[in-house]
Amino acid sequence: MKQERRTFTREFKLNAVELSYSRANVVELANELNIRPELLYRWRSEFASYQGKSFPGNGIPKMTEEESEVSLLKKELAEMRMERDILKKAVSIFSKSDGKFTGL
């Protein structure tokens, strides 16, 4: 028999992390919240690493500002390469018809 996977809202996770820093016993807090202590420790480490960008939701990657900027630049570079390749092909197609272009 499979147990249904529980999901927690971002607000719940943030409140749990905040409470865990104010309480002395994290295991006791986890039992009160009806979650495993390992889960609470994982939420704490994620919050420590990403601060305001932690717990973004399912399928949304957690990235620092530098990582998101690198990702954006990689996307732009891929688009520019694709446009360049299309233009190269267009030039070669049009140059074959008039015979003036020697090629790239």
PDB file of N, CA and C in Angstrom:
ATOM      1  N   MET A   1       0.839  -1.174   0.000  1.00  0.00           N
ATOM      2  CA  MET A   1       0.000   0.000   0.000  1.00  0.00           C
ATOM      3  C   MET A   1       0.889   1.244   0.000  1.00  0.00           C
ATOM      4  N   LYS A   2       0.672   2.101  -0.948  1.00  0.00           N
ATOM      5  CA  LYS A   2       1.466   3.309  -1.084  1.00  0.00           C
ATOM      6  C   LYS A   2       0.865   4.445  -0.281  1.00  0.00           C
ATOM      7  N   GLN A   3       1.769   5.193   0.351  1.00  0.00           N
ATOM      8  CA  GLN A   3       1.301   6.386   1.039  1.00  0.00           C
ATOM      9  C   GLN A   3       1.316   7.547   0.059  1.00  0.00           C
ATOM     10  N   GLU A   4       0.363   8.419   0.212  1.00  0.00           N
ATOM     11  CA  GLU A   4       0.317   9.598  -0.647  1.00  0.00           C
ATOM     12  C   GLU A   4       1.381  10.586  -0.186  1.00  0.00           C
ATOM     13  N   ARG A   5       2.081  11.154  -1.140  1.00  0.00           N
ATOM     14  CA  ARG A   5       3.150  12.088  -0.832  1.00  0.00           C
ATOM     15  C   ARG A   5       2.567  13.421  -0.381  1.00  0.00           C
ATOM     16  N   ARG A   6       3.058  13.906   0.740  1.00  0.00           N
ATOM     17  CA  ARG A   6       2.559  15.173   1.257  1.00  0.00           C
ATOM     18  C   ARG A   6       3.320  16.327   0.614  1.00  0.00           C
ATOM     19  N   THR A   7       2.627  17.412   0.396  1.00  0.00           N
ATOM     20  CA  THR A   7       3.265  18.617  -0.113  1.00  0.00           C
ATOM     21  C   THR A   7       3.067  19.721   0.909  1.00  0.00           C
ATOM     22  N   PHE A   8       4.059  20.578   0.980  1.00  0.00           N
ATOM     23  CA  PHE A   8       4.021  21.675   1.943  1.00  0.00           C
ATOM     24  C   PHE A   8       4.150  22.991   1.190  1.00  0.00           C
ATOM     25  N   THR A   9       3.432  23.973   1.659  1.00  0.00           N
ATOM     26  CA  THR A   9       3.491  25.286   1.014  1.00  0.00           C
ATOM     27  C   THR A   9       4.794  25.984   1.382  1.00  0.00           C
ATOM     28  N   ARG A  10       5.128  26.979   0.603  1.00  0.00           N
ATOM     29  CA  ARG A  10       6.345  27.753   0.850  1.00  0.00           C
ATOM     30  C   ARG A  10       6.263  28.438   2.212  1.00  0.00           C
ATOM     31  N   GLU A  11       5.092  28.953   2.561  1.00  0.00           N
ATOM     32  CA  GLU A  11       4.909  29.641   3.831  1.00  0.00           C
ATOM     33  C   GLU A  11       5.120  28.699   5.007  1.00  0.00           C
ATOM     34  N   PHE A  12       4.613  27.454   4.877  1.00  0.00           N
ATOM     35  CA  PHE A  12       4.796  26.468   5.934  1.00  0.00           C
ATOM     36  C   PHE A  12       6.278  26.179   6.138  1.00  0.00           C
ATOM     37  N   LYS A  13       7.003  26.001   5.030  1.00  0.00           N
ATOM     38  CA  LYS A  13       8.435  25.704   5.122  1.00  0.00           C
ATOM     39  C   LYS A  13       9.195  26.865   5.754  1.00  0.00           C
ATOM     40  N   LEU A  14       8.875  28.079   5.325  1.00  0.00           N
ATOM     41  CA  LEU A  14       9.560  29.244   5.891  1.00  0.00           C
ATOM     42  C   LEU A  14       9.268  29.399   7.373  1.00  0.00           C
ATOM     43  N   ASN A  15       8.019  29.179   7.780  1.00  0.00           N
ATOM     44  CA  ASN A  15       7.665  29.256   9.200  1.00  0.00           C
ATOM     45  C   ASN A  15       8.368  28.164  10.001  1.00  0.00           C
ATOM     46  N   ALA A  16       8.444  26.964   9.437  1.00  0.00           N
ATOM     47  CA  ALA A  16       9.111  25.863  10.128  1.00  0.00           C
ATOM     48  C   ALA A  16      10.598  26.158  10.309  1.00  0.00           C
ATOM     49  N   VAL A  17      11.229  26.693   9.286  1.00  0.00           N
ATOM     50  CA  VAL A  17      12.650  27.037   9.377  1.00  0.00           C
ATOM     51  C   VAL A  17      12.859  28.139  10.410  1.00  0.00           C
ATOM     52  N   GLU A  18      12.005  29.133  10.395  1.00  0.00           N
ATOM     53  CA  GLU A  18      12.118  30.230  11.358  1.00  0.00           C
ATOM     54  C   GLU A  18      11.957  29.720  12.785  1.00  0.00           C
ATOM     55  N   LEU A  19      10.984  28.849  12.986  1.00  0.00           N
ATOM     56  CA  LEU A  19      10.790  28.272  14.313  1.00  0.00           C
ATOM     57  C   LEU A  19      11.982  27.422  14.730  1.00  0.00           C
ATOM     58  N   SER A  20      12.580  26.710  13.784  1.00  0.00           N
ATOM     59  CA  SER A  20      13.696  25.830  14.130  1.00  0.00           C
ATOM     60  C   SER A  20      14.911  26.621  14.595  1.00  0.00           C
ATOM     61  N   TYR A  21      15.075  27.832  14.093  1.00  0.00           N
ATOM     62  CA  TYR A  21      16.192  28.666  14.548  1.00  0.00           C
ATOM     63  C   TYR A  21      15.923  29.272  15.927  1.00  0.00           C
ATOM     64  N   SER A  22      14.657  29.454  16.261  1.00  0.00           N
ATOM     65  CA  SER A  22      14.334  30.038  17.560  1.00  0.00           C
ATOM     66  C   SER A  22      14.217  28.983  18.667  1.00  0.00           C
ATOM     67  N   ARG A  23      14.009  27.738  18.288  1.00  0.00           N
ATOM     68  CA  ARG A  23      13.884  26.658  19.274  1.00  0.00           C
ATOM     69  C   ARG A  23      15.224  25.963  19.493  1.00  0.00           C
ATOM     70  N   ALA A  24      15.380  25.380  20.664  1.00  0.00           N
ATOM     71  CA  ALA A  24      16.621  24.663  20.970  1.00  0.00           C
ATOM     72  C   ALA A  24      16.585  23.237  20.441  1.00  0.00           C
ATOM     73  N   ASN A  25      15.428  22.585  20.487  1.00  0.00           N
ATOM     74  CA  ASN A  25      15.331  21.183  20.101  1.00  0.00           C
ATOM     75  C   ASN A  25      14.590  21.057  18.763  1.00  0.00           C
ATOM     76  N   VAL A  26      15.328  20.785  17.701  1.00  0.00           N
ATOM     77  CA  VAL A  26      14.749  20.702  16.359  1.00  0.00           C
ATOM     78  C   VAL A  26      13.923  19.431  16.199  1.00  0.00           C
ATOM     79  N   VAL A  27      14.358  18.343  16.823  1.00  0.00           N
ATOM     80  CA  VAL A  27      13.633  17.073  16.711  1.00  0.00           C
ATOM     81  C   VAL A  27      12.248  17.196  17.329  1.00  0.00           C
ATOM     82  N   GLU A  28      12.171  17.856  18.463  1.00  0.00           N
ATOM     83  CA  GLU A  28      10.878  18.062  19.129  1.00  0.00           C
ATOM     84  C   GLU A  28       9.956  18.914  18.261  1.00  0.00           C
ATOM     85  N   LEU A  29      10.500  19.959  17.644  1.00  0.00           N
ATOM     86  CA  LEU A  29       9.709  20.813  16.754  1.00  0.00           C
ATOM     87  C   LEU A  29       9.214  20.020  15.552  1.00  0.00           C
ATOM     88  N   ALA A  30      10.064  19.190  14.992  1.00  0.00           N
ATOM     89  CA  ALA A  30       9.663  18.372  13.848  1.00  0.00           C
ATOM     90  C   ALA A  30       8.522  17.436  14.220  1.00  0.00           C
ATOM     91  N   ASN A  31       8.583  16.869  15.389  1.00  0.00           N
ATOM     92  CA  ASN A  31       7.485  15.998  15.840  1.00  0.00           C
ATOM     93  C   ASN A  31       6.196  16.789  16.019  1.00  0.00           C
ATOM     94  N   GLU A  32       6.299  18.005  16.526  1.00  0.00           N
ATOM     95  CA  GLU A  32       5.113  18.854  16.679  1.00  0.00           C
ATOM     96  C   GLU A  32       4.498  19.206  15.327  1.00  0.00           C
ATOM     97  N   LEU A  33       5.358  19.434  14.333  1.00  0.00           N
ATOM     98  CA  LEU A  33       4.866  19.783  13.000  1.00  0.00           C
ATOM     99  C   LEU A  33       4.488  18.558  12.173  1.00  0.00           C
ATOM    100  N   ASN A  34       4.724  17.381  12.726  1.00  0.00           N
ATOM    101  CA  ASN A  34       4.397  16.115  12.063  1.00  0.00           C
ATOM    102  C   ASN A  34       5.213  15.929  10.770  1.00  0.00           C
ATOM    103  N   ILE A  35       6.506  16.259  10.863  1.00  0.00           N
ATOM    104  CA  ILE A  35       7.426  16.024   9.756  1.00  0.00           C
ATOM    105  C   ILE A  35       8.673  15.344  10.305  1.00  0.00           C
ATOM    106  N   ARG A  36       9.470  14.758   9.417  1.00  0.00           N
ATOM    107  CA  ARG A  36      10.714  14.122   9.840  1.00  0.00           C
ATOM    108  C   ARG A  36      11.758  15.198  10.143  1.00  0.00           C
ATOM    109  N   PRO A  37      12.587  14.975  11.149  1.00  0.00           N
ATOM    110  CA  PRO A  37      13.639  15.956  11.456  1.00  0.00           C
ATOM    111  C   PRO A  37      14.606  16.162  10.289  1.00  0.00           C
ATOM    112  N   GLU A  38      14.885  15.103   9.509  1.00  0.00           N
ATOM    113  CA  GLU A  38      15.785  15.226   8.354  1.00  0.00           C
ATOM    114  C   GLU A  38      15.240  16.223   7.340  1.00  0.00           C
ATOM    115  N   LEU A  39      13.933  16.227   7.181  1.00  0.00           N
ATOM    116  CA  LEU A  39      13.295  17.155   6.250  1.00  0.00           C
ATOM    117  C   LEU A  39      13.470  18.591   6.717  1.00  0.00           C
ATOM    118  N   LEU A  40      13.308  18.804   7.999  1.00  0.00           N
ATOM    119  CA  LEU A  40      13.482  20.143   8.556  1.00  0.00           C
ATOM    120  C   LEU A  40      14.938  20.607   8.409  1.00  0.00           C
ATOM    121  N   TYR A  41      15.882  19.707   8.627  1.00  0.00           N
ATOM    122  CA  TYR A  41      17.291  20.061   8.447  1.00  0.00           C
ATOM    123  C   TYR A  41      17.593  20.386   6.981  1.00  0.00           C
ATOM    124  N   ARG A  42      16.975  19.637   6.067  1.00  0.00           N
ATOM    125  CA  ARG A  42      17.175  19.917   4.636  1.00  0.00           C
ATOM    126  C   ARG A  42      16.599  21.278   4.270  1.00  0.00           C
ATOM    127  N   TRP A  43      15.423  21.619   4.801  1.00  0.00           N
ATOM    128  CA  TRP A  43      14.832  22.933   4.547  1.00  0.00           C
ATOM    129  C   TRP A  43      15.730  24.033   5.098  1.00  0.00           C
ATOM    130  N   ARG A  44      16.310  23.799   6.274  1.00  0.00           N
ATOM    131  CA  ARG A  44      17.210  24.798   6.871  1.00  0.00           C
ATOM    132  C   ARG A  44      18.430  25.029   5.989  1.00  0.00           C
ATOM    133  N   SER A  45      19.019  23.954   5.476  1.00  0.00           N
ATOM    134  CA  SER A  45      20.221  24.122   4.638  1.00  0.00           C
ATOM    135  C   SER A  45      19.868  24.791   3.315  1.00  0.00           C
ATOM    136  N   GLU A  46      18.707  24.466   2.755  1.00  0.00           N
ATOM    137  CA  GLU A  46      18.278  25.127   1.516  1.00  0.00           C
ATOM    138  C   GLU A  46      18.049  26.612   1.753  1.00  0.00           C
ATOM    139  N   PHE A  47      17.424  26.934   2.858  1.00  0.00           N
ATOM    140  CA  PHE A  47      17.174  28.343   3.175  1.00  0.00           C
ATOM    141  C   PHE A  47      18.487  29.077   3.397  1.00  0.00           C
ATOM    142  N   ALA A  48      19.445  28.428   4.049  1.00  0.00           N
ATOM    143  CA  ALA A  48      20.750  29.054   4.289  1.00  0.00           C
ATOM    144  C   ALA A  48      21.487  29.299   2.978  1.00  0.00           C
ATOM    145  N   SER A  49      21.310  28.431   1.998  1.00  0.00           N
ATOM    146  CA  SER A  49      22.012  28.566   0.720  1.00  0.00           C
ATOM    147  C   SER A  49      21.370  29.597  -0.194  1.00  0.00           C
ATOM    148  N   TYR A  50      20.033  29.627  -0.241  1.00  0.00           N
ATOM    149  CA  TYR A  50      19.343  30.433  -1.246  1.00  0.00           C
ATOM    150  C   TYR A  50      18.525  31.584  -0.685  1.00  0.00           C
ATOM    151  N   GLN A  51      18.395  31.703   0.612  1.00  0.00           N
ATOM    152  CA  GLN A  51      17.647  32.765   1.278  1.00  0.00           C
ATOM    153  C   GLN A  51      16.273  32.989   0.659  1.00  0.00           C
ATOM    154  N   GLY A  52      16.038  34.123   0.020  1.00  0.00           N
ATOM    155  CA  GLY A  52      14.721  34.485  -0.504  1.00  0.00           C
ATOM    156  C   GLY A  52      14.276  33.644  -1.684  1.00  0.00           C
ATOM    157  N   LYS A  53      15.214  32.990  -2.365  1.00  0.00           N
ATOM    158  CA  LYS A  53      14.861  32.180  -3.527  1.00  0.00           C
ATOM    159  C   LYS A  53      14.623  30.715  -3.169  1.00  0.00           C
ATOM    160  N   SER A  54      14.649  30.396  -1.904  1.00  0.00           N
ATOM    161  CA  SER A  54      14.435  29.015  -1.512  1.00  0.00           C
ATOM    162  C   SER A  54      12.959  28.651  -1.621  1.00  0.00           C
ATOM    163  N   PHE A  55      12.703  27.383  -1.821  1.00  0.00           N
ATOM    164  CA  PHE A  55      11.353  26.818  -1.946  1.00  0.00           C
ATOM    165  C   PHE A  55      10.551  27.458  -3.078  1.00  0.00           C
ATOM    166  N   PRO A  56      11.048  27.439  -4.317  1.00  0.00           N
ATOM    167  CA  PRO A  56      10.331  28.103  -5.405  1.00  0.00           C
ATOM    168  C   PRO A  56       9.113  27.337  -5.893  1.00  0.00           C
ATOM    169  N   GLY A  57       9.041  26.039  -5.691  1.00  0.00           N
ATOM    170  CA  GLY A  57       7.911  25.244  -6.163  1.00  0.00           C
ATOM    171  C   GLY A  57       8.398  24.093  -7.023  1.00  0.00           C
ATOM    172  N   ASN A  58       7.479  23.227  -7.409  1.00  0.00           N
ATOM    173  CA  ASN A  58       7.845  22.055  -8.193  1.00  0.00           C
ATOM    174  C   ASN A  58       8.293  22.439  -9.593  1.00  0.00           C
ATOM    175  N   GLY A  59       9.441  21.912  -9.996  1.00  0.00           N
ATOM    176  CA  GLY A  59       9.927  22.108 -11.348  1.00  0.00           C
ATOM    177  C   GLY A  59      10.607  23.430 -11.621  1.00  0.00           C
ATOM    178  N   ILE A  60      10.649  24.302 -10.638  1.00  0.00           N
ATOM    179  CA  ILE A  60      11.300  25.590 -10.821  1.00  0.00           C
ATOM    180  C   ILE A  60      12.686  25.497 -10.189  1.00  0.00           C
ATOM    181  N   PRO A  61      13.727  25.675 -10.976  1.00  0.00           N
ATOM    182  CA  PRO A  61      15.068  25.515 -10.416  1.00  0.00           C
ATOM    183  C   PRO A  61      15.445  26.631  -9.448  1.00  0.00           C
ATOM    184  N   LYS A  62      16.210  26.245  -8.429  1.00  0.00           N
ATOM    185  CA  LYS A  62      16.715  27.226  -7.472  1.00  0.00           C
ATOM    186  C   LYS A  62      18.058  27.706  -8.000  1.00  0.00           C
ATOM    187  N   MET A  63      18.184  29.001  -8.225  1.00  0.00           N
ATOM    188  CA  MET A  63      19.432  29.538  -8.738  1.00  0.00           C
ATOM    189  C   MET A  63      19.789  30.825  -8.022  1.00  0.00           C
ATOM    190  N   THR A  64      21.074  31.020  -7.865  1.00  0.00           N
ATOM    191  CA  THR A  64      21.537  32.302  -7.362  1.00  0.00           C
ATOM    192  C   THR A  64      21.439  33.312  -8.497  1.00  0.00           C
ATOM    193  N   GLU A  65      21.700  34.567  -8.208  1.00  0.00           N
ATOM    194  CA  GLU A  65      21.606  35.595  -9.246  1.00  0.00           C
ATOM    195  C   GLU A  65      22.611  35.333 -10.360  1.00  0.00           C
ATOM    196  N   GLU A  66      23.809  34.898  -9.988  1.00  0.00           N
ATOM    197  CA  GLU A  66      24.840  34.626 -10.990  1.00  0.00           C
ATOM    198  C   GLU A  66      24.435  33.456 -11.879  1.00  0.00           C
ATOM    199  N   GLU A  67      23.890  32.408 -11.270  1.00  0.00           N
ATOM    200  CA  GLU A  67      23.462  31.240 -12.043  1.00  0.00           C
ATOM    201  C   GLU A  67      22.330  31.586 -13.000  1.00  0.00           C
ATOM    202  N   SER A  68      21.388  32.401 -12.550  1.00  0.00           N
ATOM    203  CA  SER A  68      20.282  32.779 -13.434  1.00  0.00           C
ATOM    204  C   SER A  68      20.772  33.663 -14.571  1.00  0.00           C
ATOM    205  N   GLU A  69      21.757  34.526 -14.295  1.00  0.00           N
ATOM    206  CA  GLU A  69      22.310  35.370 -15.348  1.00  0.00           C
ATOM    207  C   GLU A  69      23.064  34.526 -16.369  1.00  0.00           C
ATOM    208  N   VAL A  70      23.828  33.543 -15.908  1.00  0.00           N
ATOM    209  CA  VAL A  70      24.551  32.647 -16.813  1.00  0.00           C
ATOM    210  C   VAL A  70      23.558  31.863 -17.672  1.00  0.00           C
ATOM    211  N   SER A  71      22.476  31.398 -17.062  1.00  0.00           N
ATOM    212  CA  SER A  71      21.458  30.661 -17.801  1.00  0.00           C
ATOM    213  C   SER A  71      20.829  31.535 -18.886  1.00  0.00           C
ATOM    214  N   LEU A  72      20.523  32.770 -18.553  1.00  0.00           N
ATOM    215  CA  LEU A  72      19.945  33.698 -19.522  1.00  0.00           C
ATOM    216  C   LEU A  72      20.917  33.969 -20.670  1.00  0.00           C
ATOM    217  N   LEU A  73      22.187  34.169 -20.346  1.00  0.00           N
ATOM    218  CA  LEU A  73      23.188  34.431 -21.381  1.00  0.00           C
ATOM    219  C   LEU A  73      23.397  33.225 -22.285  1.00  0.00           C
ATOM    220  N   LYS A  74      23.309  32.023 -21.722  1.00  0.00           N
ATOM    221  CA  LYS A  74      23.434  30.817 -22.542  1.00  0.00           C
ATOM    222  C   LYS A  74      22.270  30.700 -23.526  1.00  0.00           C
ATOM    223  N   LYS A  75      21.078  31.042 -23.079  1.00  0.00           N
ATOM    224  CA  LYS A  75      19.915  31.016 -23.969  1.00  0.00           C
ATOM    225  C   LYS A  75      20.072  32.024 -25.102  1.00  0.00           C
ATOM    226  N   GLU A  76      20.517  33.230 -24.759  1.00  0.00           N
ATOM    227  CA  GLU A  76      20.718  34.260 -25.780  1.00  0.00           C
ATOM    228  C   GLU A  76      21.795  33.834 -26.773  1.00  0.00           C
ATOM    229  N   LEU A  77      22.874  33.220 -26.291  1.00  0.00           N
ATOM    230  CA  LEU A  77      23.944  32.756 -27.162  1.00  0.00           C
ATOM    231  C   LEU A  77      23.441  31.684 -28.122  1.00  0.00           C
ATOM    232  N   ALA A  78      22.624  30.769 -27.631  1.00  0.00           N
ATOM    233  CA  ALA A  78      22.069  29.721 -28.493  1.00  0.00           C
ATOM    234  C   ALA A  78      21.193  30.327 -29.590  1.00  0.00           C
ATOM    235  N   GLU A  79      20.385  31.336 -29.231  1.00  0.00           N
ATOM    236  CA  GLU A  79      19.538  32.000 -30.228  1.00  0.00           C
ATOM    237  C   GLU A  79      20.380  32.716 -31.280  1.00  0.00           C
ATOM    238  N   MET A  80      21.428  33.401 -30.847  1.00  0.00           N
ATOM    239  CA  MET A  80      22.289  34.127 -31.783  1.00  0.00           C
ATOM    240  C   MET A  80      23.008  33.161 -32.736  1.00  0.00           C
ATOM    241  N   ARG A  81      23.450  32.024 -32.208  1.00  0.00           N
ATOM    242  CA  ARG A  81      24.105  31.022 -33.066  1.00  0.00           C
ATOM    243  C   ARG A  81      23.138  30.484 -34.107  1.00  0.00           C
ATOM    244  N   MET A  82      21.896  30.235 -33.677  1.00  0.00           N
ATOM    245  CA  MET A  82      20.897  29.723 -34.606  1.00  0.00           C
ATOM    246  C   MET A  82      20.609  30.762 -35.702  1.00  0.00           C
ATOM    247  N   GLU A  83      20.475  32.031 -35.320  1.00  0.00           N
ATOM    248  CA  GLU A  83      20.246  33.083 -36.304  1.00  0.00           C
ATOM    249  C   GLU A  83      21.431  33.198 -37.269  1.00  0.00           C
ATOM    250  N   ARG A  84      22.642  33.105 -36.744  1.00  0.00           N
ATOM    251  CA  ARG A  84      23.836  33.182 -37.592  1.00  0.00           C
ATOM    252  C   ARG A  84      23.867  32.042 -38.603  1.00  0.00           C
ATOM    253  N   ASP A  85      23.544  30.828 -38.136  1.00  0.00           N
ATOM    254  CA  ASP A  85      23.548  29.679 -39.044  1.00  0.00           C
ATOM    255  C   ASP A  85      22.491  29.823 -40.136  1.00  0.00           C
ATOM    256  N   ILE A  86      21.333  30.340 -39.773  1.00  0.00           N
ATOM    257  CA  ILE A  86      20.271  30.549 -40.761  1.00  0.00           C
ATOM    258  C   ILE A  86      20.714  31.575 -41.798  1.00  0.00           C
ATOM    259  N   LEU A  87      21.340  32.652 -41.333  1.00  0.00           N
ATOM    260  CA  LEU A  87      21.808  33.679 -42.263  1.00  0.00           C
ATOM    261  C   LEU A  87      22.914  33.154 -43.182  1.00  0.00           C
ATOM    262  N   LYS A  88      23.791  32.312 -42.658  1.00  0.00           N
ATOM    263  CA  LYS A  88      24.838  31.717 -43.496  1.00  0.00           C
ATOM    264  C   LYS A  88      24.226  30.873 -44.611  1.00  0.00           C
ATOM    265  N   LYS A  89      23.227  30.085 -44.255  1.00  0.00           N
ATOM    266  CA  LYS A  89      22.566  29.243 -45.255  1.00  0.00           C
ATOM    267  C   LYS A  89      21.848  30.104 -46.291  1.00  0.00           C
ATOM    268  N   ALA A  90      21.211  31.172 -45.842  1.00  0.00           N
ATOM    269  CA  ALA A  90      20.499  32.048 -46.771  1.00  0.00           C
ATOM    270  C   ALA A  90      21.479  32.713 -47.734  1.00  0.00           C
ATOM    271  N   VAL A  91      22.612  33.145 -47.228  1.00  0.00           N
ATOM    272  CA  VAL A  91      23.611  33.780 -48.085  1.00  0.00           C
ATOM    273  C   VAL A  91      24.116  32.787 -49.119  1.00  0.00           C
ATOM    274  N   SER A  92      24.374  31.561 -48.704  1.00  0.00           N
ATOM    275  CA  SER A  92      24.883  30.577 -49.660  1.00  0.00           C
ATOM    276  C   SER A  92      23.829  30.218 -50.707  1.00  0.00           C
ATOM    277  N   ILE A  93      22.573  30.191 -50.327  1.00  0.00           N
ATOM    278  CA  ILE A  93      21.514  29.876 -51.291  1.00  0.00           C
ATOM    279  C   ILE A  93      21.375  30.998 -52.311  1.00  0.00           C
ATOM    280  N   PHE A  94      21.359  32.248 -51.837  1.00  0.00           N
ATOM    281  CA  PHE A  94      21.195  33.372 -52.751  1.00  0.00           C
ATOM    282  C   PHE A  94      22.442  33.625 -53.596  1.00  0.00           C
ATOM    283  N   SER A  95      23.602  33.297 -53.078  1.00  0.00           N
ATOM    284  CA  SER A  95      24.830  33.542 -53.837  1.00  0.00           C
ATOM    285  C   SER A  95      25.000  32.535 -54.974  1.00  0.00           C
ATOM    286  N   LYS A  96      24.432  31.370 -54.853  1.00  0.00           N
ATOM    287  CA  LYS A  96      24.514  30.368 -55.926  1.00  0.00           C
ATOM    288  C   LYS A  96      23.771  30.846 -57.169  1.00  0.00           C
ATOM    289  N   SER A  97      22.719  31.606 -56.965  1.00  0.00           N
ATOM    290  CA  SER A  97      21.908  32.020 -58.108  1.00  0.00           C
ATOM    291  C   SER A  97      22.553  33.146 -58.916  1.00  0.00           C
ATOM    292  N   ASP A  98      23.266  34.083 -58.261  1.00  0.00           N
ATOM    293  CA  ASP A  98      23.837  35.178 -59.048  1.00  0.00           C
ATOM    294  C   ASP A  98      25.332  35.013 -59.319  1.00  0.00           C
ATOM    295  N   GLY A  99      26.004  34.082 -58.661  1.00  0.00           N
ATOM    296  CA  GLY A  99      27.398  33.783 -58.932  1.00  0.00           C
ATOM    297  C   GLY A  99      28.385  34.832 -58.474  1.00  0.00           C
ATOM    298  N   LYS A 100      27.977  35.831 -57.713  1.00  0.00           N
ATOM    299  CA  LYS A 100      28.873  36.894 -57.269  1.00  0.00           C
ATOM    300  C   LYS A 100      29.563  36.555 -55.949  1.00  0.00           C
ATOM    301  N   PHE A 101      28.948  35.730 -55.117  1.00  0.00           N
ATOM    302  CA  PHE A 101      29.477  35.434 -53.791  1.00  0.00           C
ATOM    303  C   PHE A 101      30.390  34.223 -53.876  1.00  0.00           C
ATOM    304  N   THR A 102      31.544  34.295 -53.228  1.00  0.00           N
ATOM    305  CA  THR A 102      32.515  33.194 -53.295  1.00  0.00           C
ATOM    306  C   THR A 102      32.309  32.173 -52.184  1.00  0.00           C
ATOM    307  N   GLY A 103      31.581  32.492 -51.164  1.00  0.00           N
ATOM    308  CA  GLY A 103      31.288  31.540 -50.079  1.00  0.00           C
ATOM    309  C   GLY A 103      31.981  31.908 -48.785  1.00  0.00           C
ATOM    310  N   LEU A 104      31.558  31.244 -47.699  1.00  0.00           N
ATOM    311  CA  LEU A 104      32.131  31.510 -46.383  1.00  0.00           C
ATOM    312  C   LEU A 104      33.110  30.445 -46.001  1.00  0.00           C
TER     313      LEU A 104
END
